[in-house]
Amino acid sequence: MRKSVRSFVVLVVFAMALAGLSLAQDETYSLRANIPFDFYAGSQLLPAGVYLIDVSYATHVAALRNQDTGRTYSVVAVPANGEGSGNAVVEFDVAGDKHMLADLKTASTGVNFSQSKRAMATAKHTGSVAIVAALR
């Protein structure tokens, strides 16, 4: 009986350790940014507003939730090779009057949006805009 109880306890501890590892892989970091202009995220045109942005460490998918409308938009991102900045920043590339989501950076990590980079290569790039965001 003792051997069965001991085996069961070991199994429970092992299962809890695995569950903790799987939760760590699904962690996200979150930003809150007030974006004062309409912008493109991938091929989607998003309206100006306050956005809650969650980026998954595991999948590098950014979920942008507009607080005013409640709509959520998903965009695939690429890890930024350890790039970070002092503040949390949302960066946009500008071509004419169009703003395209380019990068999200925190103090320790970040992601790039390659779709925007490719679109900017064909458009006349006129500058960049960085908006300081708050970590949530």
C-alpha atoms as a PDB file:
ATOM      1  CA  MET A   1       0.000   0.000   0.000  1.00  0.00           C
ATOM      2  CA  ARG A   2       2.815   2.399   0.892  1.00  0.00           C
ATOM      3  CA  LYS A   3       4.472   1.734  -2.449  1.00  0.00           C
ATOM      4  CA  SER A   4       1.231   2.589  -4.278  1.00  0.00           C
ATOM      5  CA  VAL A   5       0.766   5.812  -2.305  1.00  0.00           C
ATOM      6  CA  ARG A   6       4.400   6.786  -2.915  1.00  0.00           C
ATOM      7  CA  SER A   7       4.040   6.078  -6.641  1.00  0.00           C
ATOM      8  CA  PHE A   8       0.836   8.098  -6.761  1.00  0.00           C
ATOM      9  CA  VAL A   9       2.489  11.074  -5.021  1.00  0.00           C
ATOM     10  CA  VAL A  10       5.448  10.934  -7.424  1.00  0.00           C
ATOM     11  CA  LEU A  11       3.029  10.805 -10.364  1.00  0.00           C
ATOM     12  CA  VAL A  12       1.066  13.824  -9.059  1.00  0.00           C
ATOM     13  CA  VAL A  13       4.263  15.851  -8.531  1.00  0.00           C
ATOM     14  CA  PHE A  14       5.462  14.931 -12.026  1.00  0.00           C
ATOM     15  CA  ALA A  15       2.094  15.935 -13.551  1.00  0.00           C
ATOM     16  CA  MET A  16       2.162  19.273 -11.699  1.00  0.00           C
ATOM     17  CA  ALA A  17       5.691  19.961 -12.963  1.00  0.00           C
ATOM     18  CA  LEU A  18       4.635  19.242 -16.553  1.00  0.00           C
ATOM     19  CA  ALA A  19       1.569  21.456 -16.199  1.00  0.00           C
ATOM     20  CA  GLY A  20       3.774  24.282 -14.915  1.00  0.00           C
ATOM     21  CA  LEU A  21       6.085  23.909 -17.918  1.00  0.00           C
ATOM     22  CA  SER A  22       3.192  23.996 -20.382  1.00  0.00           C
ATOM     23  CA  LEU A  23       1.786  27.136 -18.742  1.00  0.00           C
ATOM     24  CA  ALA A  24       5.189  28.826 -18.943  1.00  0.00           C
ATOM     25  CA  GLN A  25       5.278  28.207 -22.685  1.00  0.00           C
ATOM     26  CA  ASP A  26       1.929  29.948 -23.153  1.00  0.00           C
ATOM     27  CA  GLU A  27       2.929  33.094 -21.285  1.00  0.00           C
ATOM     28  CA  THR A  28       2.374  36.405 -22.930  1.00  0.00           C
ATOM     29  CA  TYR A  29       3.552  39.902 -22.422  1.00  0.00           C
ATOM     30  CA  SER A  30       1.030  42.683 -22.671  1.00  0.00           C
ATOM     31  CA  LEU A  31       1.116  46.325 -23.699  1.00  0.00           C
ATOM     32  CA  ARG A  32      -1.461  49.104 -23.640  1.00  0.00           C
ATOM     33  CA  ALA A  33      -1.106  51.847 -26.248  1.00  0.00           C
ATOM     34  CA  ASN A  34      -3.197  54.813 -27.346  1.00  0.00           C
ATOM     35  CA  ILE A  35      -2.787  54.900 -31.130  1.00  0.00           C
ATOM     36  CA  PRO A  36      -4.101  58.207 -32.534  1.00  0.00           C
ATOM     37  CA  PHE A  37      -4.302  57.166 -36.195  1.00  0.00           C
ATOM     38  CA  ASP A  38      -5.702  54.347 -38.340  1.00  0.00           C
ATOM     39  CA  PHE A  39      -3.013  51.780 -39.163  1.00  0.00           C
ATOM     40  CA  TYR A  40      -2.335  48.538 -40.972  1.00  0.00           C
ATOM     41  CA  ALA A  41      -1.454  45.378 -39.049  1.00  0.00           C
ATOM     42  CA  GLY A  42      -0.553  42.903 -41.759  1.00  0.00           C
ATOM     43  CA  SER A  43      -3.228  43.426 -44.413  1.00  0.00           C
ATOM     44  CA  GLN A  44      -5.891  44.581 -41.923  1.00  0.00           C
ATOM     45  CA  LEU A  45      -6.767  48.271 -41.529  1.00  0.00           C
ATOM     46  CA  LEU A  46      -7.395  48.989 -37.846  1.00  0.00           C
ATOM     47  CA  PRO A  47      -9.048  52.141 -36.489  1.00  0.00           C
ATOM     48  CA  ALA A  48      -7.365  54.578 -34.120  1.00  0.00           C
ATOM     49  CA  GLY A  49      -7.971  53.912 -30.445  1.00  0.00           C
ATOM     50  CA  VAL A  50      -6.645  52.407 -27.253  1.00  0.00           C
ATOM     51  CA  TYR A  51      -5.281  48.904 -27.854  1.00  0.00           C
ATOM     52  CA  LEU A  52      -4.450  46.121 -25.457  1.00  0.00           C
ATOM     53  CA  ILE A  53      -1.736  44.075 -27.150  1.00  0.00           C
ATOM     54  CA  ASP A  54      -0.859  40.555 -26.011  1.00  0.00           C
ATOM     55  CA  VAL A  55       2.112  38.751 -27.567  1.00  0.00           C
ATOM     56  CA  SER A  56       2.605  35.033 -26.975  1.00  0.00           C
ATOM     57  CA  TYR A  57       6.174  33.945 -26.171  1.00  0.00           C
ATOM     58  CA  ALA A  58       5.459  30.528 -27.676  1.00  0.00           C
ATOM     59  CA  THR A  59       3.710  31.409 -30.943  1.00  0.00           C
ATOM     60  CA  HIS A  60       4.733  35.068 -31.442  1.00  0.00           C
ATOM     61  CA  VAL A  61       1.183  35.940 -32.397  1.00  0.00           C
ATOM     62  CA  ALA A  62       0.130  39.438 -31.398  1.00  0.00           C
ATOM     63  CA  ALA A  63      -3.514  39.920 -30.431  1.00  0.00           C
ATOM     64  CA  LEU A  64      -4.535  43.576 -30.725  1.00  0.00           C
ATOM     65  CA  ARG A  65      -7.787  44.332 -28.888  1.00  0.00           C
ATOM     66  CA  ASN A  66      -9.402  47.697 -29.503  1.00  0.00           C
ATOM     67  CA  GLN A  67     -10.877  48.821 -26.172  1.00  0.00           C
ATOM     68  CA  ASP A  68     -13.444  51.092 -27.838  1.00  0.00           C
ATOM     69  CA  THR A  69     -14.935  48.528 -30.222  1.00  0.00           C
ATOM     70  CA  GLY A  70     -14.027  45.305 -28.394  1.00  0.00           C
ATOM     71  CA  ARG A  71     -12.727  43.782 -31.648  1.00  0.00           C
ATOM     72  CA  THR A  72      -9.557  41.692 -31.556  1.00  0.00           C
ATOM     73  CA  TYR A  73      -7.154  41.366 -34.469  1.00  0.00           C
ATOM     74  CA  SER A  74      -4.377  38.766 -34.692  1.00  0.00           C
ATOM     75  CA  VAL A  75      -1.069  39.284 -36.473  1.00  0.00           C
ATOM     76  CA  VAL A  76       1.836  36.851 -36.822  1.00  0.00           C
ATOM     77  CA  ALA A  77       5.152  38.295 -35.656  1.00  0.00           C
ATOM     78  CA  VAL A  78       8.825  37.343 -35.783  1.00  0.00           C
ATOM     79  CA  PRO A  79      11.039  37.375 -32.654  1.00  0.00           C
ATOM     80  CA  ALA A  80      13.311  40.427 -32.637  1.00  0.00           C
ATOM     81  CA  ASN A  81      16.547  38.612 -31.713  1.00  0.00           C
ATOM     82  CA  GLY A  82      16.816  39.980 -28.186  1.00  0.00           C
ATOM     83  CA  GLU A  83      16.060  43.551 -29.222  1.00  0.00           C
ATOM     84  CA  GLY A  84      14.582  45.646 -26.512  1.00  0.00           C
ATOM     85  CA  SER A  85      14.244  49.261 -25.551  1.00  0.00           C
ATOM     86  CA  GLY A  86      14.171  51.219 -22.318  1.00  0.00           C
ATOM     87  CA  ASN A  87      10.410  51.670 -22.551  1.00  0.00           C
ATOM     88  CA  ALA A  88       7.674  49.571 -24.053  1.00  0.00           C
ATOM     89  CA  VAL A  89       7.280  50.963 -27.570  1.00  0.00           C
ATOM     90  CA  VAL A  90       4.942  50.346 -30.508  1.00  0.00           C
ATOM     91  CA  GLU A  91       6.640  51.379 -33.766  1.00  0.00           C
ATOM     92  CA  PHE A  92       5.006  52.179 -37.104  1.00  0.00           C
ATOM     93  CA  ASP A  93       6.498  52.690 -40.543  1.00  0.00           C
ATOM     94  CA  VAL A  94       4.948  55.550 -42.505  1.00  0.00           C
ATOM     95  CA  ALA A  95       4.447  55.708 -46.287  1.00  0.00           C
ATOM     96  CA  GLY A  96       2.507  58.752 -47.418  1.00  0.00           C
ATOM     97  CA  ASP A  97      -0.482  58.899 -45.071  1.00  0.00           C
ATOM     98  CA  LYS A  98      -0.434  55.150 -44.285  1.00  0.00           C
ATOM     99  CA  HIS A  99       0.901  53.804 -40.994  1.00  0.00           C
ATOM    100  CA  MET A 100       1.982  50.155 -40.793  1.00  0.00           C
ATOM    101  CA  LEU A 101       2.657  48.306 -37.559  1.00  0.00           C
ATOM    102  CA  ALA A 102       6.376  47.494 -37.652  1.00  0.00           C
ATOM    103  CA  ASP A 103       7.672  46.490 -34.198  1.00  0.00           C
ATOM    104  CA  LEU A 104       6.699  45.970 -30.573  1.00  0.00           C
ATOM    105  CA  LYS A 105       9.490  46.311 -28.022  1.00  0.00           C
ATOM    106  CA  THR A 106       9.789  46.037 -24.277  1.00  0.00           C
ATOM    107  CA  ALA A 107      12.872  46.419 -22.074  1.00  0.00           C
ATOM    108  CA  SER A 108      13.860  42.792 -22.647  1.00  0.00           C
ATOM    109  CA  THR A 109      12.119  41.469 -25.745  1.00  0.00           C
ATOM    110  CA  GLY A 110      10.308  42.378 -28.918  1.00  0.00           C
ATOM    111  CA  VAL A 111       8.752  41.238 -32.170  1.00  0.00           C
ATOM    112  CA  ASN A 112       8.806  42.468 -35.754  1.00  0.00           C
ATOM    113  CA  PHE A 113       6.053  42.264 -38.324  1.00  0.00           C
ATOM    114  CA  SER A 114       7.653  41.075 -41.557  1.00  0.00           C
ATOM    115  CA  GLN A 115       4.487  41.624 -43.636  1.00  0.00           C
ATOM    116  CA  SER A 116       4.721  45.344 -42.940  1.00  0.00           C
ATOM    117  CA  LYS A 117       8.422  45.366 -43.816  1.00  0.00           C
ATOM    118  CA  ARG A 118       7.732  43.770 -47.202  1.00  0.00           C
ATOM    119  CA  ALA A 119       4.880  46.174 -47.944  1.00  0.00           C
ATOM    120  CA  MET A 120       7.094  49.141 -47.050  1.00  0.00           C
ATOM    121  CA  ALA A 121       9.757  47.906 -49.479  1.00  0.00           C
ATOM    122  CA  THR A 122       7.351  48.538 -52.368  1.00  0.00           C
ATOM    123  CA  ALA A 123       5.998  51.834 -51.008  1.00  0.00           C
ATOM    124  CA  LYS A 124       7.792  55.134 -50.626  1.00  0.00           C
ATOM    125  CA  HIS A 125       8.928  55.075 -47.003  1.00  0.00           C
ATOM    126  CA  THR A 126       8.638  58.541 -45.500  1.00  0.00           C
ATOM    127  CA  GLY A 127       9.449  57.905 -41.856  1.00  0.00           C
ATOM    128  CA  SER A 128       8.637  56.123 -38.630  1.00  0.00           C
ATOM    129  CA  VAL A 129       6.498  56.810 -35.584  1.00  0.00           C
ATOM    130  CA  ALA A 130       7.105  55.365 -32.123  1.00  0.00           C
ATOM    131  CA  ILE A 131       4.425  55.381 -29.439  1.00  0.00           C
ATOM    132  CA  VAL A 132       5.404  54.693 -25.852  1.00  0.00           C
ATOM    133  CA  ALA A 133       3.178  51.980 -24.417  1.00  0.00           C
ATOM    134  CA  ALA A 134       2.516  50.837 -20.874  1.00  0.00           C
ATOM    135  CA  LEU A 135       3.258  47.276 -19.841  1.00  0.00           C
ATOM    136  CA  ARG A 136       0.224  45.586 -18.364  1.00  0.00           C
END
